N, C-alpha and C. Protein backbone atom coordinates (compact mmCIF):
# COMPACT_ATOMS: atom_id res chain seq x y z
N MET A 1 49.01 115.24 82.77
CA MET A 1 50.38 115.75 82.88
C MET A 1 50.89 116.19 81.52
N ILE A 2 50.65 115.35 80.49
CA ILE A 2 51.17 115.64 79.17
C ILE A 2 50.51 116.89 78.59
N MET A 3 49.22 117.06 78.87
CA MET A 3 48.55 118.24 78.34
C MET A 3 49.05 119.53 79.00
N GLY A 4 49.43 119.45 80.26
CA GLY A 4 50.00 120.57 80.97
C GLY A 4 51.35 120.98 80.34
N LEU A 5 52.18 119.97 80.00
CA LEU A 5 53.43 120.29 79.37
C LEU A 5 53.23 120.90 77.96
N ILE A 6 52.22 120.39 77.24
CA ILE A 6 51.90 120.97 75.95
C ILE A 6 51.49 122.43 76.10
N GLN A 7 50.76 122.75 77.15
CA GLN A 7 50.28 124.12 77.39
C GLN A 7 51.48 125.01 77.63
N LEU A 8 52.47 124.55 78.38
CA LEU A 8 53.66 125.31 78.65
C LEU A 8 54.39 125.62 77.33
N VAL A 9 54.47 124.63 76.45
CA VAL A 9 55.10 124.84 75.15
C VAL A 9 54.35 125.84 74.30
N VAL A 10 53.00 125.72 74.28
CA VAL A 10 52.18 126.63 73.51
C VAL A 10 52.36 128.09 74.05
N VAL A 11 52.35 128.26 75.35
CA VAL A 11 52.54 129.56 75.92
C VAL A 11 53.89 130.14 75.59
N ALA A 12 54.91 129.26 75.64
CA ALA A 12 56.27 129.72 75.32
C ALA A 12 56.33 130.15 73.80
N LEU A 13 55.69 129.42 72.95
CA LEU A 13 55.70 129.80 71.55
C LEU A 13 54.93 131.11 71.34
N ALA A 14 53.80 131.28 72.01
CA ALA A 14 53.08 132.53 71.87
C ALA A 14 53.85 133.74 72.40
N VAL A 15 54.54 133.54 73.52
CA VAL A 15 55.40 134.62 74.05
C VAL A 15 56.55 134.91 73.15
N LEU A 16 57.16 133.88 72.55
CA LEU A 16 58.26 134.10 71.63
C LEU A 16 57.79 134.82 70.36
N ALA A 17 56.59 134.47 69.86
CA ALA A 17 56.05 135.13 68.71
C ALA A 17 55.80 136.60 68.97
N ARG A 18 55.27 136.90 70.15
CA ARG A 18 55.01 138.31 70.49
C ARG A 18 56.29 139.05 70.73
N TRP A 19 57.27 138.41 71.34
CA TRP A 19 58.48 139.09 71.62
C TRP A 19 59.29 139.44 70.38
N THR A 20 59.17 138.66 69.31
CA THR A 20 59.88 138.98 68.09
C THR A 20 59.41 140.25 67.43
N SER A 21 58.21 140.70 67.78
CA SER A 21 57.71 141.94 67.22
C SER A 21 57.15 142.79 68.34
N ALA A 22 57.96 142.96 69.36
CA ALA A 22 57.48 143.73 70.52
C ALA A 22 57.30 145.22 70.15
N GLY A 23 56.21 145.75 70.58
CA GLY A 23 55.93 147.16 70.34
C GLY A 23 55.58 147.80 71.72
N TRP A 24 55.09 149.00 71.64
CA TRP A 24 54.83 149.74 72.86
C TRP A 24 53.71 149.12 73.67
N PHE A 25 52.70 148.55 73.03
CA PHE A 25 51.59 147.99 73.77
C PHE A 25 52.01 146.81 74.62
N LEU A 26 52.90 145.99 74.07
CA LEU A 26 53.43 144.82 74.81
C LEU A 26 54.24 145.34 76.02
N LEU A 27 55.10 146.29 75.77
CA LEU A 27 55.90 146.81 76.86
C LEU A 27 55.10 147.45 77.97
N ILE A 28 54.11 148.23 77.56
CA ILE A 28 53.26 148.87 78.56
C ILE A 28 52.39 147.80 79.31
N GLY A 29 51.93 146.78 78.59
CA GLY A 29 51.09 145.75 79.21
C GLY A 29 51.89 144.89 80.24
N VAL A 30 53.09 144.62 79.88
CA VAL A 30 53.89 143.77 80.79
C VAL A 30 54.45 144.59 81.91
N VAL A 31 55.12 145.72 81.60
CA VAL A 31 55.74 146.52 82.62
C VAL A 31 54.70 147.26 83.46
N GLY A 32 53.67 147.76 82.79
CA GLY A 32 52.62 148.51 83.51
C GLY A 32 51.82 147.71 84.43
N SER A 33 51.65 146.42 84.16
CA SER A 33 50.92 145.56 85.10
C SER A 33 51.82 144.77 86.00
N LEU A 34 53.12 145.01 85.91
CA LEU A 34 54.13 144.29 86.72
C LEU A 34 54.10 142.79 86.45
N GLY A 35 53.79 142.43 85.25
CA GLY A 35 53.71 141.02 84.90
C GLY A 35 52.40 140.35 85.17
N LEU A 36 51.46 141.07 85.68
CA LEU A 36 50.18 140.46 86.05
C LEU A 36 49.30 140.15 84.80
N ALA A 37 49.39 140.97 83.77
CA ALA A 37 48.61 140.73 82.58
C ALA A 37 48.96 139.43 81.90
N PRO A 38 50.25 139.11 81.68
CA PRO A 38 50.54 137.81 81.10
C PRO A 38 50.16 136.64 81.98
N LEU A 39 50.24 136.85 83.30
CA LEU A 39 49.84 135.79 84.22
C LEU A 39 48.35 135.52 84.12
N ILE A 40 47.55 136.57 83.95
CA ILE A 40 46.12 136.45 83.82
C ILE A 40 45.74 135.79 82.48
N LEU A 41 46.47 136.13 81.43
CA LEU A 41 46.16 135.59 80.12
C LEU A 41 46.69 134.18 79.88
N PHE A 42 47.76 133.82 80.49
CA PHE A 42 48.33 132.50 80.24
C PHE A 42 48.19 131.52 81.37
N GLY A 43 48.11 132.00 82.60
CA GLY A 43 48.04 131.17 83.80
C GLY A 43 46.90 130.17 83.75
N PRO A 44 45.68 130.60 83.48
CA PRO A 44 44.54 129.67 83.46
C PRO A 44 44.71 128.52 82.39
N LEU A 45 45.34 128.90 81.32
CA LEU A 45 45.54 127.89 80.25
C LEU A 45 46.49 126.79 80.72
N VAL A 46 47.57 127.20 81.33
CA VAL A 46 48.52 126.21 81.89
C VAL A 46 47.91 125.39 82.99
N PHE A 47 47.17 126.06 83.88
CA PHE A 47 46.48 125.39 85.00
C PHE A 47 45.51 124.38 84.48
N ALA A 48 44.74 124.80 83.43
CA ALA A 48 43.74 123.89 82.85
C ALA A 48 44.42 122.70 82.17
N GLY A 49 45.61 122.91 81.60
CA GLY A 49 46.34 121.82 81.02
C GLY A 49 46.67 120.71 82.04
N PHE A 50 47.01 121.12 83.23
CA PHE A 50 47.40 120.15 84.24
C PHE A 50 46.17 119.51 84.96
N TYR A 51 45.08 120.26 85.10
CA TYR A 51 43.96 119.79 85.93
C TYR A 51 42.64 119.55 85.19
N ALA A 52 42.56 119.84 83.92
CA ALA A 52 41.31 119.62 83.20
C ALA A 52 41.09 118.13 82.95
N PRO A 53 39.86 117.70 83.00
CA PRO A 53 39.54 116.29 82.65
C PRO A 53 39.79 116.08 81.16
N HIS A 54 39.91 114.85 80.78
CA HIS A 54 40.15 114.51 79.38
C HIS A 54 39.04 115.03 78.45
N ALA A 55 37.83 115.19 78.95
CA ALA A 55 36.77 115.66 78.18
C ALA A 55 36.94 117.15 77.75
N ALA A 56 37.75 117.85 78.50
CA ALA A 56 38.00 119.28 78.21
C ALA A 56 39.17 119.47 77.24
N TRP A 57 39.87 118.42 76.88
CA TRP A 57 41.04 118.54 75.99
C TRP A 57 40.73 119.17 74.68
N PRO A 58 39.57 118.84 74.01
CA PRO A 58 39.28 119.54 72.72
C PRO A 58 39.16 121.08 72.91
N LEU A 59 38.60 121.53 74.01
CA LEU A 59 38.54 122.98 74.27
C LEU A 59 39.92 123.55 74.52
N LEU A 60 40.81 122.77 75.16
CA LEU A 60 42.16 123.20 75.37
C LEU A 60 42.89 123.36 74.04
N ILE A 61 42.68 122.39 73.11
CA ILE A 61 43.32 122.48 71.81
C ILE A 61 42.81 123.66 70.99
N ILE A 62 41.51 123.93 71.10
CA ILE A 62 40.95 125.10 70.42
C ILE A 62 41.54 126.39 71.02
N ALA A 63 41.65 126.43 72.30
CA ALA A 63 42.29 127.63 72.97
C ALA A 63 43.74 127.75 72.54
N ASP A 64 44.44 126.66 72.39
CA ASP A 64 45.82 126.71 71.97
C ASP A 64 45.97 127.31 70.54
N VAL A 65 45.13 126.83 69.65
CA VAL A 65 45.17 127.28 68.27
C VAL A 65 44.79 128.74 68.24
N LEU A 66 43.81 129.14 68.96
CA LEU A 66 43.41 130.53 68.96
C LEU A 66 44.52 131.43 69.55
N LEU A 67 45.15 130.97 70.58
CA LEU A 67 46.26 131.74 71.17
C LEU A 67 47.38 131.93 70.22
N LEU A 68 47.76 130.86 69.50
CA LEU A 68 48.88 130.98 68.57
C LEU A 68 48.53 131.84 67.38
N ILE A 69 47.33 131.75 66.84
CA ILE A 69 46.89 132.62 65.75
C ILE A 69 46.92 134.03 66.24
N THR A 70 46.40 134.29 67.44
CA THR A 70 46.39 135.69 67.97
C THR A 70 47.79 136.20 68.11
N ALA A 71 48.71 135.41 68.69
CA ALA A 71 50.05 135.84 68.88
C ALA A 71 50.75 136.18 67.56
N LEU A 72 50.40 135.50 66.50
CA LEU A 72 51.02 135.76 65.18
C LEU A 72 50.41 136.86 64.41
N THR A 73 49.16 137.20 64.69
CA THR A 73 48.43 138.16 63.79
C THR A 73 48.03 139.44 64.47
N LEU A 74 48.09 139.55 65.78
CA LEU A 74 47.69 140.79 66.46
C LEU A 74 48.71 141.84 66.31
N ALA A 75 48.37 143.00 65.93
CA ALA A 75 49.26 144.10 65.69
C ALA A 75 49.63 144.81 67.01
N ASP A 76 50.84 145.26 67.06
CA ASP A 76 51.32 146.05 68.21
C ASP A 76 51.81 147.36 67.67
N GLY A 77 51.77 148.41 68.45
CA GLY A 77 52.21 149.74 68.01
C GLY A 77 53.73 149.89 68.15
N GLY A 78 54.34 150.15 67.05
CA GLY A 78 55.79 150.43 67.08
C GLY A 78 56.05 151.90 66.82
N ASP A 79 57.27 152.28 66.77
CA ASP A 79 57.65 153.67 66.51
C ASP A 79 57.26 154.10 65.15
N ASN A 80 57.27 153.18 64.16
CA ASN A 80 57.00 153.51 62.76
C ASN A 80 55.66 152.97 62.29
N GLY A 81 54.79 152.63 63.17
CA GLY A 81 53.50 152.08 62.76
C GLY A 81 53.25 150.70 63.38
N MET A 82 52.33 149.94 62.79
CA MET A 82 51.97 148.60 63.28
C MET A 82 53.14 147.64 63.13
N VAL A 83 53.20 146.72 64.09
CA VAL A 83 54.19 145.65 64.03
C VAL A 83 53.42 144.33 64.22
N ILE A 84 53.49 143.44 63.20
CA ILE A 84 52.76 142.17 63.25
C ILE A 84 53.83 141.07 62.99
N PRO A 85 53.84 140.04 63.87
CA PRO A 85 54.87 139.00 63.72
C PRO A 85 55.00 138.33 62.41
N ILE A 86 53.86 138.05 61.73
CA ILE A 86 53.98 137.32 60.46
C ILE A 86 54.10 138.20 59.25
N LEU A 87 54.16 139.52 59.40
CA LEU A 87 54.32 140.44 58.28
C LEU A 87 55.53 141.31 58.46
N ASP A 88 56.12 141.69 57.34
CA ASP A 88 57.20 142.68 57.44
C ASP A 88 56.62 144.06 57.73
N GLU A 89 57.43 145.01 58.00
CA GLU A 89 56.96 146.30 58.49
C GLU A 89 56.11 147.05 57.45
N ARG A 90 56.55 146.93 56.15
CA ARG A 90 55.83 147.64 55.10
C ARG A 90 54.43 147.02 54.87
N THR A 91 54.34 145.71 54.89
CA THR A 91 53.06 145.05 54.69
C THR A 91 52.16 145.25 55.90
N ALA A 92 52.72 145.32 57.09
CA ALA A 92 51.91 145.52 58.32
C ALA A 92 51.22 146.85 58.31
N ASN A 93 51.78 147.80 57.65
CA ASN A 93 51.20 149.19 57.57
C ASN A 93 50.37 149.43 56.31
N SER A 94 49.90 148.34 55.73
CA SER A 94 49.08 148.40 54.52
C SER A 94 47.68 147.89 54.85
N PRO A 95 46.80 147.90 53.87
CA PRO A 95 45.48 147.30 54.10
C PRO A 95 45.52 145.84 54.47
N VAL A 96 46.51 145.12 53.98
CA VAL A 96 46.67 143.74 54.32
C VAL A 96 46.93 143.62 55.85
N GLY A 97 47.75 144.47 56.36
CA GLY A 97 48.02 144.46 57.79
C GLY A 97 46.81 144.78 58.64
N THR A 98 45.97 145.62 58.12
CA THR A 98 44.73 145.96 58.86
C THR A 98 43.84 144.72 58.91
N ARG A 99 43.74 143.99 57.79
CA ARG A 99 42.94 142.77 57.80
C ARG A 99 43.51 141.65 58.68
N VAL A 100 44.82 141.54 58.67
CA VAL A 100 45.49 140.49 59.51
C VAL A 100 45.29 140.89 60.95
N HIS A 101 45.36 142.21 61.27
CA HIS A 101 45.12 142.61 62.67
C HIS A 101 43.67 142.32 63.08
N ARG A 102 42.73 142.50 62.17
CA ARG A 102 41.34 142.16 62.46
C ARG A 102 41.17 140.68 62.78
N VAL A 103 41.87 139.81 62.05
CA VAL A 103 41.84 138.34 62.35
C VAL A 103 42.42 138.14 63.75
N GLY A 104 43.49 138.81 64.09
CA GLY A 104 44.11 138.71 65.41
C GLY A 104 43.18 139.16 66.55
N THR A 105 42.45 140.22 66.28
CA THR A 105 41.50 140.72 67.29
C THR A 105 40.34 139.70 67.47
N LEU A 106 39.82 139.14 66.42
CA LEU A 106 38.74 138.16 66.47
C LEU A 106 39.20 136.90 67.18
N THR A 107 40.36 136.40 66.84
CA THR A 107 40.87 135.20 67.45
C THR A 107 41.24 135.45 68.91
N GLY A 108 41.70 136.65 69.22
CA GLY A 108 41.99 136.99 70.62
C GLY A 108 40.73 137.03 71.46
N THR A 109 39.66 137.56 70.94
CA THR A 109 38.40 137.54 71.62
C THR A 109 37.89 136.11 71.79
N ALA A 110 37.98 135.32 70.76
CA ALA A 110 37.56 133.93 70.87
C ALA A 110 38.39 133.17 71.89
N TYR A 111 39.73 133.48 71.98
CA TYR A 111 40.58 132.85 72.93
C TYR A 111 40.09 133.16 74.38
N LEU A 112 39.77 134.42 74.60
CA LEU A 112 39.27 134.81 75.94
C LEU A 112 37.97 134.11 76.30
N PHE A 113 37.07 133.89 75.35
CA PHE A 113 35.86 133.14 75.56
C PHE A 113 36.19 131.67 75.86
N ALA A 114 37.13 131.08 75.12
CA ALA A 114 37.54 129.69 75.34
C ALA A 114 38.17 129.59 76.72
N LEU A 115 38.98 130.56 77.14
CA LEU A 115 39.61 130.53 78.43
C LEU A 115 38.55 130.61 79.53
N ALA A 116 37.55 131.44 79.35
CA ALA A 116 36.48 131.56 80.35
C ALA A 116 35.68 130.24 80.41
N GLY A 117 35.50 129.58 79.28
CA GLY A 117 34.84 128.32 79.30
C GLY A 117 35.63 127.25 80.01
N LEU A 118 36.92 127.26 79.81
CA LEU A 118 37.82 126.31 80.50
C LEU A 118 37.78 126.55 82.03
N VAL A 119 37.82 127.78 82.42
CA VAL A 119 37.76 128.09 83.89
C VAL A 119 36.47 127.65 84.49
N ILE A 120 35.38 127.91 83.82
CA ILE A 120 34.06 127.46 84.31
C ILE A 120 34.01 125.92 84.34
N TRP A 121 34.48 125.23 83.29
CA TRP A 121 34.45 123.84 83.24
C TRP A 121 35.27 123.19 84.38
N ILE A 122 36.46 123.73 84.61
CA ILE A 122 37.32 123.14 85.63
C ILE A 122 36.77 123.46 87.06
N SER A 123 36.22 124.64 87.23
CA SER A 123 35.68 124.96 88.59
C SER A 123 34.41 124.17 88.84
N ALA A 124 33.68 123.76 87.80
CA ALA A 124 32.46 122.97 88.01
C ALA A 124 32.78 121.50 88.25
N ALA A 125 33.98 121.09 87.79
CA ALA A 125 34.28 119.65 87.89
C ALA A 125 34.82 119.28 89.30
């Protein structure tokens, strides 16, 4: 039960981080999918928090960290260039912003793999 509540807090923090620097990709992803994309990305994590065995908790924590890093470092397209939550607009559109976005892309991919591992682990249990 406690891990499920932690997952809800982590998802809320990730959504808040992305919303502070909302760009066109976020709006298109949420509105274009009628809210299905966030449900697919965050739903299994919250579900796993409530139903995963204690042995899966380290993978849940890894997924949480990866999700938060991704939410803070992944670039979104704005009207004046890239928008990254942890960088100001000028730095986001510099070589530093490109490197930070690369970190966000790698951690986002790792998060998806961790999420797939959690789904497989829970469905096998």
